[in-house]
PDB file of N, CA and C in Angstrom:
ATOM      1  N   UNK A   1      57.997 137.602   0.431  1.00  0.00           N
ATOM      2  CA  UNK A   1      56.412 137.096  -0.253  1.00  0.00           C
ATOM      3  C   UNK A   1      55.288 137.326   0.391  1.00  0.00           C
ATOM      4  N   UNK A   2      54.225 137.383  -0.391  1.00  0.00           N
ATOM      5  CA  UNK A   2      52.467 137.635   0.754  1.00  0.00           C
ATOM      6  C   UNK A   2      52.292 136.506   0.951  1.00  0.00           C
ATOM      7  N   UNK A   3      52.427 135.089   0.445  1.00  0.00           N
ATOM      8  CA  UNK A   3      51.775 134.121   1.384  1.00  0.00           C
ATOM      9  C   UNK A   3      52.904 132.859   1.531  1.00  0.00           C
ATOM     10  N   UNK A   4      52.593 131.533   1.785  1.00  0.00           N
ATOM     11  CA  UNK A   4      53.566 130.453   2.115  1.00  0.00           C
ATOM     12  C   UNK A   4      54.069 129.859   1.127  1.00  0.00           C
ATOM     13  N   UNK A   5      53.033 129.937  -0.214  1.00  0.00           N
ATOM     14  CA  UNK A   5      53.669 129.059  -1.574  1.00  0.00           C
ATOM     15  C   UNK A   5      54.636 130.164  -2.147  1.00  0.00           C
ATOM     16  N   UNK A   6      54.505 131.704  -2.111  1.00  0.00           N
ATOM     17  CA  UNK A   6      55.276 132.250  -2.573  1.00  0.00           C
ATOM     18  C   UNK A   6      56.813 132.558  -1.813  1.00  0.00           C
ATOM     19  N   UNK A   7      56.495 132.381  -0.432  1.00  0.00           N
ATOM     20  CA  UNK A   7      57.870 132.019   0.192  1.00  0.00           C
ATOM     21  C   UNK A   7      58.459 130.626   0.123  1.00  0.00           C
ATOM     22  N   UNK A   8      58.116 129.989  -0.244  1.00  0.00           N
ATOM     23  CA  UNK A   8      58.696 128.610  -0.460  1.00  0.00           C
ATOM     24  C   UNK A   8      59.433 128.469  -1.809  1.00  0.00           C
ATOM     25  N   UNK A   9      58.977 129.539  -2.863  1.00  0.00           N
ATOM     26  CA  UNK A   9      59.232 129.648  -3.484  1.00  0.00           C
ATOM     27  C   UNK A   9      60.521 130.506  -4.025  1.00  0.00           C
ATOM     28  N   UNK A  10      60.323 131.467  -2.988  1.00  0.00           N
ATOM     29  CA  UNK A  10      61.508 132.593  -3.084  1.00  0.00           C
ATOM     30  C   UNK A  10      62.655 131.829  -2.276  1.00  0.00           C
ATOM     31  N   UNK A  11      62.209 130.646  -1.371  1.00  0.00           N
ATOM     32  CA  UNK A  11      63.417 129.993  -0.602  1.00  0.00           C
ATOM     33  C   UNK A  11      64.095 129.355  -1.857  1.00  0.00           C
ATOM     34  N   UNK A  12      63.258 128.334  -2.427  1.00  0.00           N
ATOM     35  CA  UNK A  12      63.913 127.575  -3.393  1.00  0.00           C
ATOM     36  C   UNK A  12      64.890 128.015  -4.747  1.00  0.00           C
ATOM     37  N   UNK A  13      64.106 129.114  -4.740  1.00  0.00           N
ATOM     38  CA  UNK A  13      65.221 130.600  -6.164  1.00  0.00           C
ATOM     39  C   UNK A  13      66.480 130.595  -5.697  1.00  0.00           C
ATOM     40  N   UNK A  14      66.425 131.167  -4.091  1.00  0.00           N
ATOM     41  CA  UNK A  14      67.152 132.025  -3.740  1.00  0.00           C
ATOM     42  C   UNK A  14      68.537 130.985  -2.584  1.00  0.00           C
ATOM     43  N   UNK A  15      68.047 129.842  -2.672  1.00  0.00           N
ATOM     44  CA  UNK A  15      68.627 128.674  -1.587  1.00  0.00           C
ATOM     45  C   UNK A  15      68.835 129.363  -0.696  1.00  0.00           C
ATOM     46  N   UNK A  16      67.506 129.790   0.340  1.00  0.00           N
ATOM     47  CA  UNK A  16      67.842 130.369   1.566  1.00  0.00           C
ATOM     48  C   UNK A  16      66.928 129.575   2.059  1.00  0.00           C
ATOM     49  N   UNK A  17      67.003 129.627   3.780  1.00  0.00           N
ATOM     50  CA  UNK A  17      66.007 128.841   4.621  1.00  0.00           C
ATOM     51  C   UNK A  17      65.446 130.113   5.607  1.00  0.00           C
ATOM     52  N   UNK A  18      64.095 130.013   5.519  1.00  0.00           N
ATOM     53  CA  UNK A  18      63.369 131.336   6.084  1.00  0.00           C
ATOM     54  C   UNK A  18      63.977 132.830   5.980  1.00  0.00           C
ATOM     55  N   UNK A  19      64.447 133.159   5.281  1.00  0.00           N
ATOM     56  CA  UNK A  19      64.860 134.298   4.625  1.00  0.00           C
ATOM     57  C   UNK A  19      66.055 134.742   5.429  1.00  0.00           C
ATOM     58  N   UNK A  20      67.028 133.875   5.739  1.00  0.00           N
ATOM     59  CA  UNK A  20      68.452 133.817   5.925  1.00  0.00           C
ATOM     60  C   UNK A  20      69.057 134.119   5.420  1.00  0.00           C
ATOM     61  N   UNK A  21      70.192 135.348   4.742  1.00  0.00           N
ATOM     62  CA  UNK A  21      71.153 135.329   3.765  1.00  0.00           C
ATOM     63  C   UNK A  21      72.620 134.272   3.674  1.00  0.00           C
ATOM     64  N   UNK A  22      72.672 133.829   4.962  1.00  0.00           N
ATOM     65  CA  UNK A  22      73.606 132.895   5.000  1.00  0.00           C
ATOM     66  C   UNK A  22      73.311 131.637   4.127  1.00  0.00           C
ATOM     67  N   UNK A  23      74.421 130.831   3.759  1.00  0.00           N
ATOM     68  CA  UNK A  23      74.105 129.578   2.754  1.00  0.00           C
ATOM     69  C   UNK A  23      73.398 128.473   4.269  1.00  0.00           C
ATOM     70  N   UNK A  24      73.060 127.498   3.548  1.00  0.00           N
ATOM     71  CA  UNK A  24      72.064 126.495   4.507  1.00  0.00           C
ATOM     72  C   UNK A  24      73.575 125.739   5.006  1.00  0.00           C
ATOM     73  N   UNK A  25      73.017 125.789   6.352  1.00  0.00           N
ATOM     74  CA  UNK A  25      74.346 124.693   7.034  1.00  0.00           C
ATOM     75  C   UNK A  25      73.552 123.113   7.537  1.00  0.00           C
ATOM     76  N   UNK A  26      74.158 122.378   8.059  1.00  0.00           N
ATOM     77  CA  UNK A  26      73.811 120.882   7.646  1.00  0.00           C
ATOM     78  C   UNK A  26      72.580 121.022   9.161  1.00  0.00           C
ATOM     79  N   UNK A  27      72.595 121.953  10.160  1.00  0.00           N
ATOM     80  CA  UNK A  27      71.511 121.963  10.856  1.00  0.00           C
ATOM     81  C   UNK A  27      70.316 122.343  10.389  1.00  0.00           C
ATOM     82  N   UNK A  28      70.942 123.605   9.994  1.00  0.00           N
ATOM     83  CA  UNK A  28      69.256 123.945   9.040  1.00  0.00           C
ATOM     84  C   UNK A  28      68.766 122.869   8.407  1.00  0.00           C
ATOM     85  N   UNK A  29      69.478 122.439   7.358  1.00  0.00           N
ATOM     86  CA  UNK A  29      68.681 121.286   6.716  1.00  0.00           C
ATOM     87  C   UNK A  29      67.842 120.346   7.632  1.00  0.00           C
ATOM     88  N   UNK A  30      68.600 119.932   8.699  1.00  0.00           N
ATOM     89  CA  UNK A  30      67.814 118.850   9.456  1.00  0.00           C
ATOM     90  C   UNK A  30      66.594 119.619  10.282  1.00  0.00           C
ATOM     91  N   UNK A  31      66.501 120.593  10.534  1.00  0.00           N
ATOM     92  CA  UNK A  31      65.309 121.579  11.395  1.00  0.00           C
ATOM     93  C   UNK A  31      66.319 122.049  12.639  1.00  0.00           C
ATOM     94  N   UNK A  32      67.386 121.818  13.111  1.00  0.00           N
ATOM     95  CA  UNK A  32      68.009 121.442  14.128  1.00  0.00           C
ATOM     96  C   UNK A  32      68.544 123.238  14.555  1.00  0.00           C
ATOM     97  N   UNK A  33      68.430 124.088  13.617  1.00  0.00           N
ATOM     98  CA  UNK A  33      68.712 125.508  14.105  1.00  0.00           C
ATOM     99  C   UNK A  33      67.906 126.188  14.573  1.00  0.00           C
ATOM    100  N   UNK A  34      67.474 126.439  15.642  1.00  0.00           N
ATOM    101  CA  UNK A  34      66.671 127.249  16.659  1.00  0.00           C
ATOM    102  C   UNK A  34      66.852 128.970  16.320  1.00  0.00           C
ATOM    103  N   UNK A  35      67.846 129.037  15.474  1.00  0.00           N
ATOM    104  CA  UNK A  35      68.452 130.724  15.334  1.00  0.00           C
ATOM    105  C   UNK A  35      67.860 131.231  14.250  1.00  0.00           C
ATOM    106  N   UNK A  36      66.642 130.779  13.447  1.00  0.00           N
ATOM    107  CA  UNK A  36      66.655 131.076  12.195  1.00  0.00           C
ATOM    108  C   UNK A  36      65.270 131.537  12.705  1.00  0.00           C
ATOM    109  N   UNK A  37      64.661 132.818  12.196  1.00  0.00           N
ATOM    110  CA  UNK A  37      63.767 133.599  12.315  1.00  0.00           C
ATOM    111  C   UNK A  37      62.211 132.565  12.095  1.00  0.00           C
ATOM    112  N   UNK A  38      61.129 132.460  12.675  1.00  0.00           N
ATOM    113  CA  UNK A  38      59.985 132.050  12.328  1.00  0.00           C
ATOM    114  C   UNK A  38      59.014 132.573  11.077  1.00  0.00           C
ATOM    115  N   UNK A  39      58.681 132.032  10.207  1.00  0.00           N
ATOM    116  CA  UNK A  39      57.946 132.806   9.537  1.00  0.00           C
ATOM    117  C   UNK A  39      56.315 132.507  10.103  1.00  0.00           C
ATOM    118  N   UNK A  40      55.754 133.504  10.360  1.00  0.00           N
ATOM    119  CA  UNK A  40      54.311 133.504  10.364  1.00  0.00           C
ATOM    120  C   UNK A  40      53.320 133.211   9.494  1.00  0.00           C
ATOM    121  N   UNK A  41      52.390 132.736   9.869  1.00  0.00           N
ATOM    122  CA  UNK A  41      51.662 131.859   8.274  1.00  0.00           C
ATOM    123  C   UNK A  41      49.977 132.698   8.456  1.00  0.00           C
ATOM    124  N   UNK A  42      49.476 133.545   7.664  1.00  0.00           N
ATOM    125  CA  UNK A  42      48.454 134.153   8.088  1.00  0.00           C
ATOM    126  C   UNK A  42      47.254 132.879   8.104  1.00  0.00           C
ATOM    127  N   UNK A  43      46.214 133.235   9.057  1.00  0.00           N
ATOM    128  CA  UNK A  43      45.212 132.273   9.069  1.00  0.00           C
ATOM    129  C   UNK A  43      44.450 131.982   7.695  1.00  0.00           C
ATOM    130  N   UNK A  44      44.127 132.938   6.939  1.00  0.00           N
ATOM    131  CA  UNK A  44      43.580 132.811   5.799  1.00  0.00           C
ATOM    132  C   UNK A  44      44.136 132.047   4.514  1.00  0.00           C
ATOM    133  N   UNK A  45      45.534 132.037   4.822  1.00  0.00           N
ATOM    134  CA  UNK A  45      46.439 131.787   3.556  1.00  0.00           C
ATOM    135  C   UNK A  45      45.735 130.409   3.045  1.00  0.00           C
ATOM    136  N   UNK A  46      45.666 130.027   1.909  1.00  0.00           N
ATOM    137  CA  UNK A  46      45.181 128.807   1.553  1.00  0.00           C
ATOM    138  C   UNK A  46      46.257 128.797   0.175  1.00  0.00           C
ATOM    139  N   UNK A  47      47.625 129.466   0.132  1.00  0.00           N
ATOM    140  CA  UNK A  47      48.132 129.318  -0.534  1.00  0.00           C
ATOM    141  C   UNK A  47      48.839 127.599  -1.381  1.00  0.00           C
ATOM    142  N   UNK A  48      48.874 127.078  -0.158  1.00  0.00           N
ATOM    143  CA  UNK A  48      49.383 125.867  -0.325  1.00  0.00           C
ATOM    144  C   UNK A  48      48.589 124.747   0.541  1.00  0.00           C
ATOM    145  N   UNK A  49      48.028 123.266  -0.190  1.00  0.00           N
ATOM    146  CA  UNK A  49      47.358 122.406   0.762  1.00  0.00           C
ATOM    147  C   UNK A  49      47.774 121.450   0.496  1.00  0.00           C
ATOM    148  N   UNK A  50      48.046 120.298   1.021  1.00  0.00           N
ATOM    149  CA  UNK A  50      48.254 119.034   1.172  1.00  0.00           C
ATOM    150  C   UNK A  50      47.201 118.294   1.770  1.00  0.00           C
ATOM    151  N   UNK A  51      46.810 117.201   0.444  1.00  0.00           N
ATOM    152  CA  UNK A  51      46.000 116.645   0.958  1.00  0.00           C
ATOM    153  C   UNK A  51      46.370 114.853   0.694  1.00  0.00           C
ATOM    154  N   UNK A  52      45.652 114.439   1.325  1.00  0.00           N
ATOM    155  CA  UNK A  52      46.254 112.542   1.354  1.00  0.00           C
ATOM    156  C   UNK A  52      44.496 112.291   0.888  1.00  0.00           C
ATOM    157  N   UNK A  53      44.531 111.376  -0.256  1.00  0.00           N
ATOM    158  CA  UNK A  53      44.043 110.248  -0.844  1.00  0.00           C
ATOM    159  C   UNK A  53      44.143 108.994  -1.180  1.00  0.00           C
ATOM    160  N   UNK A  54      42.963 108.378  -1.140  1.00  0.00           N
ATOM    161  CA  UNK A  54      43.511 106.704  -1.006  1.00  0.00           C
ATOM    162  C   UNK A  54      43.415 106.141  -2.509  1.00  0.00           C
ATOM    163  N   UNK A  55      43.497 107.018  -3.284  1.00  0.00           N
ATOM    164  CA  UNK A  55      43.381 106.603  -4.490  1.00  0.00           C
ATOM    165  C   UNK A  55      43.751 107.330  -5.789  1.00  0.00           C
ATOM    166  N   UNK A  56      43.652 107.133  -7.337  1.00  0.00           N
ATOM    167  CA  UNK A  56      44.273 108.510  -8.120  1.00  0.00           C
ATOM    168  C   UNK A  56      42.316 108.900  -8.494  1.00  0.00           C
ATOM    169  N   UNK A  57      41.627 108.144  -8.204  1.00  0.00           N
ATOM    170  CA  UNK A  57      40.712 108.854  -8.740  1.00  0.00           C
ATOM    171  C   UNK A  57      39.941 109.618  -7.914  1.00  0.00           C
ATOM    172  N   UNK A  58      40.373 109.506  -6.341  1.00  0.00           N
ATOM    173  CA  UNK A  58      39.903 110.293  -5.312  1.00  0.00           C
ATOM    174  C   UNK A  58      40.613 111.944  -5.134  1.00  0.00           C
ATOM    175  N   UNK A  59      42.684 111.240  -5.596  1.00  0.00           N
ATOM    176  CA  UNK A  59      43.214 112.700  -6.105  1.00  0.00           C
ATOM    177  C   UNK A  59      42.406 113.888  -6.967  1.00  0.00           C
ATOM    178  N   UNK A  60      42.175 113.064  -8.154  1.00  0.00           N
ATOM    179  CA  UNK A  60      41.635 113.962  -9.172  1.00  0.00           C
ATOM    180  C   UNK A  60      39.970 114.212  -8.861  1.00  0.00           C
ATOM    181  N   UNK A  61      39.312 114.100  -8.082  1.00  0.00           N
ATOM    182  CA  UNK A  61      37.760 114.418  -7.566  1.00  0.00           C
ATOM    183  C   UNK A  61      38.353 115.840  -6.820  1.00  0.00           C
ATOM    184  N   UNK A  62      39.432 115.386  -5.740  1.00  0.00           N
ATOM    185  CA  UNK A  62      39.434 116.349  -5.046  1.00  0.00           C
ATOM    186  C   UNK A  62      39.836 117.416  -5.503  1.00  0.00           C
ATOM    187  N   UNK A  63      41.054 117.158  -6.396  1.00  0.00           N
ATOM    188  CA  UNK A  63      41.346 118.509  -7.167  1.00  0.00           C
ATOM    189  C   UNK A  63      40.295 119.157  -8.100  1.00  0.00           C
ATOM    190  N   UNK A  64      39.533 118.603  -8.646  1.00  0.00           N
ATOM    191  CA  UNK A  64      38.271 118.769  -9.289  1.00  0.00           C
ATOM    192  C   UNK A  64      37.105 119.769  -8.433  1.00  0.00           C
ATOM    193  N   UNK A  65      37.095 119.162  -7.264  1.00  0.00           N
ATOM    194  CA  UNK A  65      36.460 120.345  -6.218  1.00  0.00           C
ATOM    195  C   UNK A  65      36.986 121.563  -5.998  1.00  0.00           C
ATOM    196  N   UNK A  66      38.236 121.623  -5.648  1.00  0.00           N
ATOM    197  CA  UNK A  66      39.111 122.247  -5.540  1.00  0.00           C
ATOM    198  C   UNK A  66      39.267 123.857  -6.264  1.00  0.00           C
ATOM    199  N   UNK A  67      39.435 122.994  -7.857  1.00  0.00           N
ATOM    200  CA  UNK A  67      39.347 124.008  -8.965  1.00  0.00           C
ATOM    201  C   UNK A  67      38.026 124.502  -9.238  1.00  0.00           C
ATOM    202  N   UNK A  68      36.923 123.852  -9.052  1.00  0.00           N
ATOM    203  CA  UNK A  68      35.425 124.232  -9.215  1.00  0.00           C
ATOM    204  C   UNK A  68      35.594 125.360  -7.861  1.00  0.00           C
ATOM    205  N   UNK A  69      35.595 125.405  -6.799  1.00  0.00           N
ATOM    206  CA  UNK A  69      35.977 126.546  -5.993  1.00  0.00           C
ATOM    207  C   UNK A  69      36.972 127.592  -6.164  1.00  0.00           C
ATOM    208  N   UNK A  70      37.792 127.454  -6.980  1.00  0.00           N
ATOM    209  CA  UNK A  70      38.944 128.529  -6.926  1.00  0.00           C
ATOM    210  C   UNK A  70      38.622 129.257  -8.192  1.00  0.00           C
ATOM    211  N   UNK A  71      37.569 129.056  -9.160  1.00  0.00           N
ATOM    212  CA  UNK A  71      36.742 129.527 -10.148  1.00  0.00           C
ATOM    213  C   UNK A  71      35.985 130.038  -9.643  1.00  0.00           C
ATOM    214  N   UNK A  72      35.112 129.684  -8.904  1.00  0.00           N
ATOM    215  CA  UNK A  72      33.698 130.703  -8.593  1.00  0.00           C
ATOM    216  C   UNK A  72      34.338 131.635  -7.623  1.00  0.00           C
ATOM    217  N   UNK A  73      35.385 131.432  -6.601  1.00  0.00           N
ATOM    218  CA  UNK A  73      35.680 132.663  -5.421  1.00  0.00           C
ATOM    219  C   UNK A  73      36.240 133.582  -6.236  1.00  0.00           C
ATOM    220  N   UNK A  74      36.656 133.429  -7.634  1.00  0.00           N
ATOM    221  CA  UNK A  74      37.170 134.439  -8.807  1.00  0.00           C
ATOM    222  C   UNK A  74      36.949 134.673  -9.790  1.00  0.00           C
ATOM    223  N   UNK A  75      36.256 135.958 -10.237  1.00  0.00           N
ATOM    224  CA  UNK A  75      35.704 136.213 -11.969  1.00  0.00           C
ATOM    225  C   UNK A  75      36.467 135.953 -12.805  1.00  0.00           C
ATOM    226  N   UNK A  76      37.903 136.212 -12.396  1.00  0.00           N
ATOM    227  CA  UNK A  76      38.998 136.359 -13.062  1.00  0.00           C
ATOM    228  C   UNK A  76      40.021 135.094 -13.069  1.00  0.00           C
ATOM    229  N   UNK A  77      39.694 134.275 -12.294  1.00  0.00           N
ATOM    230  CA  UNK A  77      40.394 132.864 -12.113  1.00  0.00           C
ATOM    231  C   UNK A  77      40.000 132.342 -13.726  1.00  0.00           C
ATOM    232  N   UNK A  78      40.890 131.555 -14.480  1.00  0.00           N
ATOM    233  CA  UNK A  78      40.235 130.894 -15.331  1.00  0.00           C
ATOM    234  C   UNK A  78      40.903 129.298 -15.672  1.00  0.00           C
ATOM    235  N   UNK A  79      40.370 128.406 -16.642  1.00  0.00           N
ATOM    236  CA  UNK A  79      40.788 127.307 -16.309  1.00  0.00           C
ATOM    237  C   UNK A  79      42.623 127.467 -17.139  1.00  0.00           C
ATOM    238  N   UNK A  80      42.664 128.392 -18.042  1.00  0.00           N
ATOM    239  CA  UNK A  80      43.936 128.722 -18.718  1.00  0.00           C
ATOM    240  C   UNK A  80      44.856 128.824 -17.485  1.00  0.00           C
ATOM    241  N   UNK A  81      44.555 129.034 -16.774  1.00  0.00           N
ATOM    242  CA  UNK A  81      45.500 130.140 -15.579  1.00  0.00           C
ATOM    243  C   UNK A  81      46.292 128.826 -14.686  1.00  0.00           C
ATOM    244  N   UNK A  82      45.744 127.595 -14.903  1.00  0.00           N
ATOM    245  CA  UNK A  82      46.069 126.343 -14.083  1.00  0.00           C
ATOM    246  C   UNK A  82      46.982 125.425 -14.277  1.00  0.00           C
ATOM    247  N   UNK A  83      47.502 124.946 -13.582  1.00  0.00           N
ATOM    248  CA  UNK A  83      48.677 123.867 -14.733  1.00  0.00           C
ATOM    249  C   UNK A  83      48.709 122.739 -13.641  1.00  0.00           C
ATOM    250  N   UNK A  84      48.442 121.182 -13.896  1.00  0.00           N
ATOM    251  CA  UNK A  84      48.836 120.314 -13.174  1.00  0.00           C
ATOM    252  C   UNK A  84      49.675 119.680 -13.223  1.00  0.00           C
ATOM    253  N   UNK A  85      50.678 119.102 -12.506  1.00  0.00           N
ATOM    254  CA  UNK A  85      51.779 118.404 -13.097  1.00  0.00           C
ATOM    255  C   UNK A  85      51.974 116.953 -11.817  1.00  0.00           C
ATOM    256  N   UNK A  86      52.062 115.421 -12.517  1.00  0.00           N
ATOM    257  CA  UNK A  86      52.084 114.630 -11.778  1.00  0.00           C
ATOM    258  C   UNK A  86      53.455 113.722 -12.476  1.00  0.00           C
ATOM    259  N   UNK A  87      53.452 112.949 -11.677  1.00  0.00           N
ATOM    260  CA  UNK A  87      54.726 111.899 -11.988  1.00  0.00           C
ATOM    261  C   UNK A  87      54.202 110.931 -13.680  1.00  0.00           C
ATOM    262  N   UNK A  88      53.206 110.473 -13.854  1.00  0.00           N
ATOM    263  CA  UNK A  88      53.182 109.100 -14.947  1.00  0.00           C
ATOM    264  C   UNK A  88      51.596 109.930 -15.264  1.00  0.00           C
ATOM    265  N   UNK A  89      51.397 110.920 -16.082  1.00  0.00           N
ATOM    266  CA  UNK A  89      50.265 111.424 -16.584  1.00  0.00           C
ATOM    267  C   UNK A  89      49.337 110.070 -17.276  1.00  0.00           C
ATOM    268  N   UNK A  90      50.216 109.653 -18.291  1.00  0.00           N
ATOM    269  CA  UNK A  90      49.633 108.518 -18.552  1.00  0.00           C
ATOM    270  C   UNK A  90      48.542 107.580 -17.791  1.00  0.00           C
ATOM    271  N   UNK A  91      48.861 107.278 -16.288  1.00  0.00           N
ATOM    272  CA  UNK A  91      47.864 106.472 -15.409  1.00  0.00           C
ATOM    273  C   UNK A  91      46.837 107.167 -15.385  1.00  0.00           C
ATOM    274  N   UNK A  92      47.056 108.632 -14.953  1.00  0.00           N
ATOM    275  CA  UNK A  92      45.673 109.073 -14.686  1.00  0.00           C
ATOM    276  C   UNK A  92      44.773 109.879 -16.019  1.00  0.00           C
ATOM    277  N   UNK A  93      45.432 109.520 -16.989  1.00  0.00           N
ATOM    278  CA  UNK A  93      44.543 110.058 -18.288  1.00  0.00           C
ATOM    279  C   UNK A  93      42.825 109.776 -18.375  1.00  0.00           C
ATOM    280  N   UNK A  94      42.888 108.213 -18.474  1.00  0.00           N
ATOM    281  CA  UNK A  94      41.594 107.957 -18.487  1.00  0.00           C
ATOM    282  C   UNK A  94      40.779 108.179 -17.208  1.00  0.00           C
ATOM    283  N   UNK A  95      41.170 108.625 -16.218  1.00  0.00           N
ATOM    284  CA  UNK A  95      40.384 108.948 -15.026  1.00  0.00           C
ATOM    285  C   UNK A  95      40.445 110.278 -15.245  1.00  0.00           C
ATOM    286  N   UNK A  96      41.297 111.521 -15.843  1.00  0.00           N
ATOM    287  CA  UNK A  96      41.231 112.656 -15.978  1.00  0.00           C
ATOM    288  C   UNK A  96      39.735 113.011 -16.545  1.00  0.00           C
ATOM    289  N   UNK A  97      39.540 112.310 -17.904  1.00  0.00           N
ATOM    290  CA  UNK A  97      38.696 112.212 -18.652  1.00  0.00           C
ATOM    291  C   UNK A  97      37.271 112.001 -17.829  1.00  0.00           C
ATOM    292  N   UNK A  98      37.191 110.833 -16.895  1.00  0.00           N
ATOM    293  CA  UNK A  98      35.945 110.923 -16.369  1.00  0.00           C
ATOM    294  C   UNK A  98      35.754 112.166 -15.600  1.00  0.00           C
ATOM    295  N   UNK A  99      36.784 112.115 -14.729  1.00  0.00           N
ATOM    296  CA  UNK A  99      36.496 113.531 -13.862  1.00  0.00           C
ATOM    297  C   UNK A  99      35.977 114.767 -14.367  1.00  0.00           C
ATOM    298  N   UNK A 100      37.362 115.247 -14.807  1.00  0.00           N
ATOM    299  CA  UNK A 100      36.955 116.360 -15.683  1.00  0.00           C
ATOM    300  C   UNK A 100      35.981 116.709 -16.963  1.00  0.00           C
ATOM    301  N   UNK A 101      35.538 115.912 -17.688  1.00  0.00           N
ATOM    302  CA  UNK A 101      34.315 115.823 -18.401  1.00  0.00           C
ATOM    303  C   UNK A 101      33.268 115.841 -18.106  1.00  0.00           C
ATOM    304  N   UNK A 102      33.184 115.608 -16.829  1.00  0.00           N
ATOM    305  CA  UNK A 102      31.458 115.781 -16.279  1.00  0.00           C
ATOM    306  C   UNK A 102      30.750 115.078 -17.417  1.00  0.00           C
ATOM    307  N   UNK A 103      29.786 114.956 -16.604  1.00  0.00           N
ATOM    308  CA  UNK A 103      28.576 114.152 -17.169  1.00  0.00           C
ATOM    309  C   UNK A 103      27.273 115.329 -17.313  1.00  0.00           C
ATOM    310  N   UNK A 104      28.047 116.478 -16.148  1.00  0.00           N
ATOM    311  CA  UNK A 104      26.544 117.663 -16.324  1.00  0.00           C
ATOM    312  C   UNK A 104      27.576 118.765 -16.543  1.00  0.00           C
ATOM    313  N   UNK A 105      27.177 119.874 -17.057  1.00  0.00           N
ATOM    314  CA  UNK A 105      27.830 120.651 -17.936  1.00  0.00           C
ATOM    315  C   UNK A 105      27.936 121.729 -17.062  1.00  0.00           C
ATOM    316  N   UNK A 106      27.714 122.167 -15.694  1.00  0.00           N
ATOM    317  CA  UNK A 106      27.944 122.761 -14.875  1.00  0.00           C
ATOM    318  C   UNK A 106      29.485 122.420 -14.239  1.00  0.00           C
ATOM    319  N   UNK A 107      29.457 121.036 -14.195  1.00  0.00           N
ATOM    320  CA  UNK A 107      30.790 120.616 -13.507  1.00  0.00           C
ATOM    321  C   UNK A 107      31.877 120.519 -14.561  1.00  0.00           C
ATOM    322  N   UNK A 108      31.509 120.724 -15.318  1.00  0.00           N
ATOM    323  CA  UNK A 108      32.579 120.283 -16.583  1.00  0.00           C
ATOM    324  C   UNK A 108      33.825 121.497 -16.384  1.00  0.00           C
ATOM    325  N   UNK A 109      34.970 120.752 -16.822  1.00  0.00           N
ATOM    326  CA  UNK A 109      36.287 122.259 -16.656  1.00  0.00           C
ATOM    327  C   UNK A 109      37.313 121.869 -17.519  1.00  0.00           C
ATOM    328  N   UNK A 110      37.143 122.760 -18.607  1.00  0.00           N
ATOM    329  CA  UNK A 110      38.230 122.412 -19.951  1.00  0.00           C
ATOM    330  C   UNK A 110      39.646 122.255 -19.212  1.00  0.00           C
ATOM    331  N   UNK A 111      40.225 121.226 -19.960  1.00  0.00           N
ATOM    332  CA  UNK A 111      41.624 120.413 -19.830  1.00  0.00           C
ATOM    333  C   UNK A 111      41.740 120.114 -20.889  1.00  0.00           C
ATOM    334  N   UNK A 112      43.141 119.849 -20.965  1.00  0.00           N
ATOM    335  CA  UNK A 112      44.128 119.557 -22.047  1.00  0.00           C
ATOM    336  C   UNK A 112      45.074 118.643 -21.421  1.00  0.00           C
ATOM    337  N   UNK A 113      45.470 117.383 -22.173  1.00  0.00           N
ATOM    338  CA  UNK A 113      46.618 116.296 -21.380  1.00  0.00           C
ATOM    339  C   UNK A 113      48.000 116.668 -22.342  1.00  0.00           C
ATOM    340  N   UNK A 114      48.680 116.819 -21.292  1.00  0.00           N
ATOM    341  CA  UNK A 114      50.023 116.782 -22.664  1.00  0.00           C
ATOM    342  C   UNK A 114      50.899 115.283 -21.925  1.00  0.00           C
ATOM    343  N   UNK A 115      51.967 115.831 -22.669  1.00  0.00           N
ATOM    344  CA  UNK A 115      53.231 115.173 -22.526  1.00  0.00           C
ATOM    345  C   UNK A 115      53.355 113.093 -22.518  1.00  0.00           C
ATOM    346  N   UNK A 116      52.487 112.529 -23.341  1.00  0.00           N
ATOM    347  CA  UNK A 116      52.354 111.071 -23.318  1.00  0.00           C
ATOM    348  C   UNK A 116      52.770 111.054 -24.862  1.00  0.00           C
ATOM    349  N   UNK A 117      53.192 109.914 -24.684  1.00  0.00           N
ATOM    350  CA  UNK A 117      53.710 109.631 -26.368  1.00  0.00           C
ATOM    351  C   UNK A 117      52.743 108.757 -27.026  1.00  0.00           C
ATOM    352  N   UNK A 118      52.757 108.719 -28.293  1.00  0.00           N
ATOM    353  CA  UNK A 118      51.872 108.424 -29.269  1.00  0.00           C
ATOM    354  C   UNK A 118      51.042 106.707 -29.030  1.00  0.00           C
ATOM    355  N   UNK A 119      52.063 106.358 -28.302  1.00  0.00           N
ATOM    356  CA  UNK A 119      51.458 104.770 -28.089  1.00  0.00           C
ATOM    357  C   UNK A 119      50.166 105.162 -26.758  1.00  0.00           C
ATOM    358  N   UNK A 120      50.828 105.584 -25.844  1.00  0.00           N
ATOM    359  CA  UNK A 120      49.774 106.133 -24.978  1.00  0.00           C
ATOM    360  C   UNK A 120      48.535 106.710 -25.643  1.00  0.00           C
ATOM    361  N   UNK A 121      48.405 108.072 -26.312  1.00  0.00           N
ATOM    362  CA  UNK A 121      47.929 108.505 -26.810  1.00  0.00           C
ATOM    363  C   UNK A 121      46.396 107.640 -27.222  1.00  0.00           C
ATOM    364  N   UNK A 122      47.060 106.797 -28.415  1.00  0.00           N
ATOM    365  CA  UNK A 122      46.135 106.073 -29.437  1.00  0.00           C
ATOM    366  C   UNK A 122      46.526 104.157 -29.125  1.00  0.00           C
ATOM    367  N   UNK A 123      45.987 103.296 -28.660  1.00  0.00           N
ATOM    368  CA  UNK A 123      46.066 102.177 -28.431  1.00  0.00           C
ATOM    369  C   UNK A 123      46.243 101.485 -29.926  1.00  0.00           C
ATOM    370  N   UNK A 124      45.734 102.178 -30.401  1.00  0.00           N
ATOM    371  CA  UNK A 124      45.832 101.072 -32.201  1.00  0.00           C
ATOM    372  C   UNK A 124      47.374 101.430 -32.571  1.00  0.00           C
ATOM    373  N   UNK A 125      48.086 102.353 -32.158  1.00  0.00           N
ATOM    374  CA  UNK A 125      49.697 102.617 -32.734  1.00  0.00           C
ATOM    375  C   UNK A 125      49.920 101.335 -31.678  1.00  0.00           C
TER     376      UNK A 125
END
């Protein structure tokens, strides 16, 4: 794996911990096994970010800012390359329209919302 996100994905797929070929032990799961190799993370690795926000609206604003930066950093990065998953998209839907629709064209990011029932999509139903 080239970065932290790829390393975590590889471990989940192969059910390993820190590259160990042995099955996971109870000590390893609890973080008490000191014999496992340490994973060195490059200082410039930003493949995984954890952000704490005080509301759903703020979560979307932070996501919007990170996505704008991502698209500006690489000319090959496109909105179609990104998927955002959340536990209950219906609770976020009105906020998504407000944040990602953008009042200014240069801040708007094309998006589509899926996984909603017809009742959630149309209040008339």
